[in-house]
Amino acid sequence: MTGRRRPMTRLGDLIPDAARALGLEDELRLARAIATFEALVAERVPAVAGACRVTRLEGFTIDIDADAPIVAQELRLRASELLAAFATAPGGVGIRELRVRVRLPGRVV
C-alpha cells in the first residue's frame, strides 16, 4: 500500500451505475418514485399517508392503490398538486396522470 487514499465517494452516487450494470434501472426508477411519492403524500396530504402505495410507473402515468374510498377521493382531489410536486422533486419524474384505485380486502373497486 502506498499510503494514498482514493477520494471518498458517496454510496448514493454509485447506485445508478451499479443498477445499470445489473440491468436494474427500471427497478431503481420505481423505488425512487415510490420513496418520492410517499414523502410528498406525507408532507402534502398527511391524512392519507400510509394508506396508499405506488403500484406501477409506466410512461407518464403513476398507478396508486388506496386502502379506502375516502383515501382515493382525497388523492384524486389533490392530484394536480401532487403531480406538480412530483415533477419537480429530485426522485420524481414527468408524470402527467395519477390513476387511483381502491384496494379493499378481497376485491378492487
N, C-alpha and C. Protein backbone atom coordinates (compact mmCIF):
# COMPACT_ATOMS: atom_id res chain seq x y z
N MET A 1 0.84 -1.18 0.00
CA MET A 1 0.00 0.00 0.00
C MET A 1 0.88 1.23 0.00
N THR A 2 0.56 2.19 -0.81
CA THR A 2 1.40 3.37 -0.96
C THR A 2 1.05 4.46 0.02
N GLY A 3 -0.01 4.29 0.76
CA GLY A 3 -0.41 5.32 1.70
C GLY A 3 -1.36 6.33 1.11
N ARG A 4 -1.58 6.27 -0.19
CA ARG A 4 -2.53 7.17 -0.84
C ARG A 4 -3.94 6.61 -0.69
N ARG A 5 -4.82 7.50 -0.46
CA ARG A 5 -6.23 7.11 -0.39
C ARG A 5 -6.98 7.67 -1.57
N ARG A 6 -7.90 6.88 -2.03
CA ARG A 6 -8.76 7.39 -3.08
C ARG A 6 -9.76 8.34 -2.45
N PRO A 7 -10.22 9.32 -3.22
CA PRO A 7 -11.23 10.22 -2.66
C PRO A 7 -12.50 9.43 -2.33
N MET A 8 -13.16 9.86 -1.29
CA MET A 8 -14.39 9.19 -0.87
C MET A 8 -15.49 9.46 -1.89
N THR A 9 -16.31 8.45 -2.09
CA THR A 9 -17.44 8.56 -3.00
C THR A 9 -18.70 8.21 -2.22
N ARG A 10 -19.72 9.02 -2.40
CA ARG A 10 -20.98 8.74 -1.72
C ARG A 10 -21.59 7.49 -2.32
N LEU A 11 -22.14 6.65 -1.47
CA LEU A 11 -22.77 5.42 -1.91
C LEU A 11 -23.92 5.71 -2.88
N GLY A 12 -24.69 6.75 -2.60
CA GLY A 12 -25.80 7.12 -3.47
C GLY A 12 -25.36 7.47 -4.89
N ASP A 13 -24.11 7.92 -5.05
CA ASP A 13 -23.59 8.24 -6.37
C ASP A 13 -23.21 6.98 -7.15
N LEU A 14 -22.96 5.89 -6.45
CA LEU A 14 -22.58 4.64 -7.10
C LEU A 14 -23.76 3.78 -7.54
N ILE A 15 -24.90 3.99 -6.89
CA ILE A 15 -26.05 3.12 -7.13
C ILE A 15 -26.56 3.16 -8.58
N PRO A 16 -26.70 4.33 -9.22
CA PRO A 16 -27.19 4.31 -10.61
C PRO A 16 -26.31 3.49 -11.56
N ASP A 17 -25.00 3.60 -11.43
CA ASP A 17 -24.11 2.83 -12.29
C ASP A 17 -24.20 1.34 -12.00
N ALA A 18 -24.30 1.00 -10.73
CA ALA A 18 -24.43 -0.42 -10.36
C ALA A 18 -25.76 -0.98 -10.86
N ALA A 19 -26.84 -0.22 -10.74
CA ALA A 19 -28.14 -0.67 -11.23
C ALA A 19 -28.10 -0.86 -12.74
N ARG A 20 -27.46 0.05 -13.44
CA ARG A 20 -27.34 -0.06 -14.90
C ARG A 20 -26.55 -1.31 -15.28
N ALA A 21 -25.45 -1.56 -14.58
CA ALA A 21 -24.61 -2.72 -14.88
C ALA A 21 -25.36 -4.03 -14.61
N LEU A 22 -26.26 -4.02 -13.65
CA LEU A 22 -27.01 -5.23 -13.30
C LEU A 22 -28.35 -5.33 -14.03
N GLY A 23 -28.66 -4.33 -14.84
CA GLY A 23 -29.93 -4.34 -15.57
C GLY A 23 -31.12 -4.03 -14.68
N LEU A 24 -30.91 -3.24 -13.64
CA LEU A 24 -31.96 -2.93 -12.67
C LEU A 24 -32.39 -1.47 -12.70
N GLU A 25 -32.22 -0.82 -13.83
CA GLU A 25 -32.56 0.60 -13.92
C GLU A 25 -34.04 0.87 -13.68
N ASP A 26 -34.90 0.03 -14.24
CA ASP A 26 -36.34 0.23 -14.06
C ASP A 26 -36.74 0.06 -12.60
N GLU A 27 -36.16 -0.93 -11.94
CA GLU A 27 -36.47 -1.15 -10.53
C GLU A 27 -35.99 0.01 -9.66
N LEU A 28 -34.83 0.56 -9.99
CA LEU A 28 -34.31 1.71 -9.25
C LEU A 28 -35.21 2.92 -9.48
N ARG A 29 -35.65 3.12 -10.70
CA ARG A 29 -36.55 4.24 -11.01
C ARG A 29 -37.85 4.11 -10.22
N LEU A 30 -38.41 2.91 -10.18
CA LEU A 30 -39.64 2.68 -9.43
C LEU A 30 -39.41 2.90 -7.94
N ALA A 31 -38.31 2.40 -7.40
CA ALA A 31 -38.02 2.57 -5.97
C ALA A 31 -37.88 4.06 -5.61
N ARG A 32 -37.22 4.82 -6.46
CA ARG A 32 -37.09 6.25 -6.21
C ARG A 32 -38.44 6.96 -6.30
N ALA A 33 -39.24 6.56 -7.28
CA ALA A 33 -40.57 7.16 -7.43
C ALA A 33 -41.44 6.84 -6.22
N ILE A 34 -41.37 5.62 -5.74
CA ILE A 34 -42.15 5.23 -4.56
C ILE A 34 -41.74 6.07 -3.35
N ALA A 35 -40.45 6.17 -3.11
CA ALA A 35 -39.97 6.95 -1.96
C ALA A 35 -40.35 8.42 -2.09
N THR A 36 -40.24 8.96 -3.29
CA THR A 36 -40.59 10.36 -3.52
C THR A 36 -42.09 10.58 -3.31
N PHE A 37 -42.90 9.70 -3.87
CA PHE A 37 -44.35 9.83 -3.73
C PHE A 37 -44.76 9.73 -2.26
N GLU A 38 -44.21 8.76 -1.53
CA GLU A 38 -44.55 8.61 -0.11
C GLU A 38 -44.19 9.86 0.69
N ALA A 39 -43.03 10.44 0.39
CA ALA A 39 -42.62 11.66 1.08
C ALA A 39 -43.56 12.83 0.76
N LEU A 40 -43.94 12.96 -0.51
CA LEU A 40 -44.85 14.04 -0.91
C LEU A 40 -46.23 13.88 -0.28
N VAL A 41 -46.73 12.66 -0.24
CA VAL A 41 -48.04 12.43 0.39
C VAL A 41 -47.97 12.74 1.87
N ALA A 42 -46.91 12.30 2.53
CA ALA A 42 -46.77 12.57 3.96
C ALA A 42 -46.70 14.07 4.24
N GLU A 43 -46.08 14.81 3.33
CA GLU A 43 -45.93 16.25 3.51
C GLU A 43 -47.20 17.03 3.13
N ARG A 44 -47.84 16.66 2.03
CA ARG A 44 -48.94 17.45 1.49
C ARG A 44 -50.33 16.93 1.82
N VAL A 45 -50.45 15.63 2.08
CA VAL A 45 -51.75 15.03 2.40
C VAL A 45 -51.54 14.03 3.54
N PRO A 46 -51.11 14.52 4.69
CA PRO A 46 -50.73 13.61 5.78
C PRO A 46 -51.84 12.68 6.25
N ALA A 47 -53.08 13.05 6.04
CA ALA A 47 -54.20 12.21 6.48
C ALA A 47 -54.23 10.87 5.75
N VAL A 48 -53.66 10.78 4.55
CA VAL A 48 -53.69 9.53 3.80
C VAL A 48 -52.34 8.81 3.77
N ALA A 49 -51.34 9.39 4.42
CA ALA A 49 -50.02 8.76 4.45
C ALA A 49 -50.13 7.36 5.06
N GLY A 50 -49.54 6.41 4.41
CA GLY A 50 -49.59 5.04 4.87
C GLY A 50 -50.81 4.26 4.41
N ALA A 51 -51.78 4.93 3.81
CA ALA A 51 -53.00 4.27 3.36
C ALA A 51 -53.05 4.17 1.84
N CYS A 52 -51.92 4.42 1.17
CA CYS A 52 -51.86 4.30 -0.28
C CYS A 52 -50.43 3.93 -0.66
N ARG A 53 -50.30 3.36 -1.85
CA ARG A 53 -48.97 2.98 -2.30
C ARG A 53 -48.89 2.99 -3.82
N VAL A 54 -47.69 3.25 -4.32
CA VAL A 54 -47.44 3.22 -5.76
C VAL A 54 -47.36 1.75 -6.17
N THR A 55 -48.10 1.39 -7.21
CA THR A 55 -48.05 0.01 -7.69
C THR A 55 -47.38 -0.11 -9.06
N ARG A 56 -47.39 0.99 -9.80
CA ARG A 56 -46.82 0.93 -11.14
C ARG A 56 -46.47 2.32 -11.62
N LEU A 57 -45.43 2.39 -12.39
CA LEU A 57 -45.00 3.63 -13.01
C LEU A 57 -44.70 3.29 -14.46
N GLU A 58 -45.55 3.77 -15.36
CA GLU A 58 -45.38 3.43 -16.76
C GLU A 58 -45.61 4.65 -17.62
N GLY A 59 -44.65 4.98 -18.43
CA GLY A 59 -44.77 6.15 -19.29
C GLY A 59 -44.97 7.40 -18.45
N PHE A 60 -46.09 8.07 -18.68
CA PHE A 60 -46.39 9.30 -17.96
C PHE A 60 -47.50 9.11 -16.93
N THR A 61 -47.70 7.86 -16.50
CA THR A 61 -48.78 7.55 -15.57
C THR A 61 -48.23 6.84 -14.34
N ILE A 62 -48.74 7.23 -13.19
CA ILE A 62 -48.40 6.56 -11.94
C ILE A 62 -49.70 5.97 -11.38
N ASP A 63 -49.65 4.68 -11.05
CA ASP A 63 -50.81 3.98 -10.51
C ASP A 63 -50.67 3.86 -9.00
N ILE A 64 -51.73 4.21 -8.31
CA ILE A 64 -51.76 4.21 -6.85
C ILE A 64 -52.89 3.32 -6.37
N ASP A 65 -52.63 2.47 -5.40
CA ASP A 65 -53.68 1.71 -4.72
C ASP A 65 -53.97 2.41 -3.40
N ALA A 66 -55.25 2.64 -3.14
CA ALA A 66 -55.70 3.26 -1.89
C ALA A 66 -56.43 2.21 -1.06
N ASP A 67 -56.30 2.30 0.25
CA ASP A 67 -56.91 1.33 1.15
C ASP A 67 -58.40 1.57 1.40
N ALA A 68 -58.89 2.75 1.07
CA ALA A 68 -60.29 3.09 1.34
C ALA A 68 -60.77 4.11 0.31
N PRO A 69 -62.07 4.15 0.06
CA PRO A 69 -62.60 5.12 -0.90
C PRO A 69 -62.28 6.57 -0.53
N ILE A 70 -62.30 6.90 0.74
CA ILE A 70 -62.02 8.28 1.16
C ILE A 70 -60.57 8.66 0.85
N VAL A 71 -59.67 7.70 0.96
CA VAL A 71 -58.26 7.94 0.61
C VAL A 71 -58.13 8.20 -0.89
N ALA A 72 -58.80 7.38 -1.68
CA ALA A 72 -58.76 7.58 -3.14
C ALA A 72 -59.34 8.93 -3.53
N GLN A 73 -60.42 9.30 -2.90
CA GLN A 73 -61.05 10.58 -3.20
C GLN A 73 -60.11 11.74 -2.87
N GLU A 74 -59.47 11.68 -1.73
CA GLU A 74 -58.54 12.75 -1.35
C GLU A 74 -57.37 12.84 -2.33
N LEU A 75 -56.85 11.70 -2.75
CA LEU A 75 -55.75 11.71 -3.72
C LEU A 75 -56.20 12.27 -5.06
N ARG A 76 -57.39 11.93 -5.49
CA ARG A 76 -57.90 12.46 -6.76
C ARG A 76 -58.11 13.97 -6.68
N LEU A 77 -58.59 14.44 -5.54
CA LEU A 77 -58.80 15.88 -5.37
C LEU A 77 -57.48 16.65 -5.36
N ARG A 78 -56.44 16.02 -4.85
CA ARG A 78 -55.14 16.68 -4.75
C ARG A 78 -54.18 16.27 -5.86
N ALA A 79 -54.69 15.59 -6.89
CA ALA A 79 -53.84 15.03 -7.94
C ALA A 79 -52.97 16.08 -8.63
N SER A 80 -53.53 17.21 -9.02
CA SER A 80 -52.73 18.21 -9.74
C SER A 80 -51.61 18.75 -8.86
N GLU A 81 -51.89 18.96 -7.59
CA GLU A 81 -50.85 19.43 -6.66
C GLU A 81 -49.76 18.37 -6.50
N LEU A 82 -50.15 17.12 -6.33
CA LEU A 82 -49.17 16.04 -6.16
C LEU A 82 -48.34 15.84 -7.42
N LEU A 83 -48.98 15.91 -8.59
CA LEU A 83 -48.24 15.74 -9.84
C LEU A 83 -47.23 16.86 -10.06
N ALA A 84 -47.63 18.07 -9.75
CA ALA A 84 -46.71 19.21 -9.90
C ALA A 84 -45.51 19.07 -8.97
N ALA A 85 -45.77 18.68 -7.73
CA ALA A 85 -44.69 18.49 -6.76
C ALA A 85 -43.81 17.32 -7.16
N PHE A 86 -44.42 16.26 -7.66
CA PHE A 86 -43.68 15.07 -8.07
C PHE A 86 -42.75 15.36 -9.24
N ALA A 87 -43.21 16.19 -10.16
CA ALA A 87 -42.40 16.52 -11.34
C ALA A 87 -41.14 17.29 -10.98
N THR A 88 -41.20 18.08 -9.92
CA THR A 88 -40.03 18.89 -9.54
C THR A 88 -39.18 18.27 -8.45
N ALA A 89 -39.62 17.18 -7.87
CA ALA A 89 -38.87 16.52 -6.80
C ALA A 89 -37.67 15.78 -7.38
N PRO A 90 -36.57 15.67 -6.61
CA PRO A 90 -35.37 15.00 -7.11
C PRO A 90 -35.60 13.56 -7.58
N GLY A 91 -36.43 12.80 -6.88
CA GLY A 91 -36.68 11.42 -7.30
C GLY A 91 -37.90 11.28 -8.17
N GLY A 92 -38.53 12.39 -8.47
CA GLY A 92 -39.75 12.35 -9.28
C GLY A 92 -39.44 12.34 -10.76
N VAL A 93 -40.45 12.09 -11.52
CA VAL A 93 -40.31 12.08 -12.98
C VAL A 93 -41.50 12.83 -13.57
N GLY A 94 -41.46 13.05 -14.86
CA GLY A 94 -42.51 13.82 -15.52
C GLY A 94 -43.81 13.04 -15.69
N ILE A 95 -44.52 12.86 -14.63
CA ILE A 95 -45.79 12.14 -14.67
C ILE A 95 -46.90 13.14 -14.97
N ARG A 96 -47.83 12.75 -15.83
CA ARG A 96 -48.95 13.62 -16.19
C ARG A 96 -50.29 13.13 -15.67
N GLU A 97 -50.33 11.86 -15.28
CA GLU A 97 -51.60 11.28 -14.84
C GLU A 97 -51.40 10.46 -13.57
N LEU A 98 -52.32 10.64 -12.65
CA LEU A 98 -52.34 9.88 -11.40
C LEU A 98 -53.60 9.03 -11.44
N ARG A 99 -53.42 7.72 -11.52
CA ARG A 99 -54.56 6.79 -11.54
C ARG A 99 -54.66 6.16 -10.16
N VAL A 100 -55.82 6.29 -9.56
CA VAL A 100 -56.04 5.78 -8.20
C VAL A 100 -57.14 4.74 -8.23
N ARG A 101 -56.90 3.63 -7.58
CA ARG A 101 -57.95 2.63 -7.43
C ARG A 101 -58.00 2.20 -5.97
N VAL A 102 -59.19 1.84 -5.54
CA VAL A 102 -59.40 1.42 -4.16
C VAL A 102 -59.13 -0.08 -4.09
N ARG A 103 -58.34 -0.45 -3.14
CA ARG A 103 -57.97 -1.86 -2.95
C ARG A 103 -58.54 -2.32 -1.61
N LEU A 104 -59.71 -2.91 -1.64
CA LEU A 104 -60.32 -3.45 -0.44
C LEU A 104 -59.94 -4.92 -0.31
N PRO A 105 -59.90 -5.46 0.90
CA PRO A 105 -59.53 -6.87 1.07
C PRO A 105 -60.43 -7.78 0.21
N GLY A 106 -59.79 -8.53 -0.67
CA GLY A 106 -60.52 -9.48 -1.49
C GLY A 106 -61.08 -8.93 -2.79
N ARG A 107 -61.00 -7.62 -3.01
CA ARG A 107 -61.54 -7.07 -4.26
C ARG A 107 -60.92 -5.71 -4.56
N VAL A 108 -61.07 -5.30 -5.82
CA VAL A 108 -60.63 -3.99 -6.27
C VAL A 108 -61.86 -3.24 -6.72
N VAL A 109 -62.00 -2.00 -6.26
CA VAL A 109 -63.15 -1.17 -6.63
C VAL A 109 -62.73 -0.16 -7.66
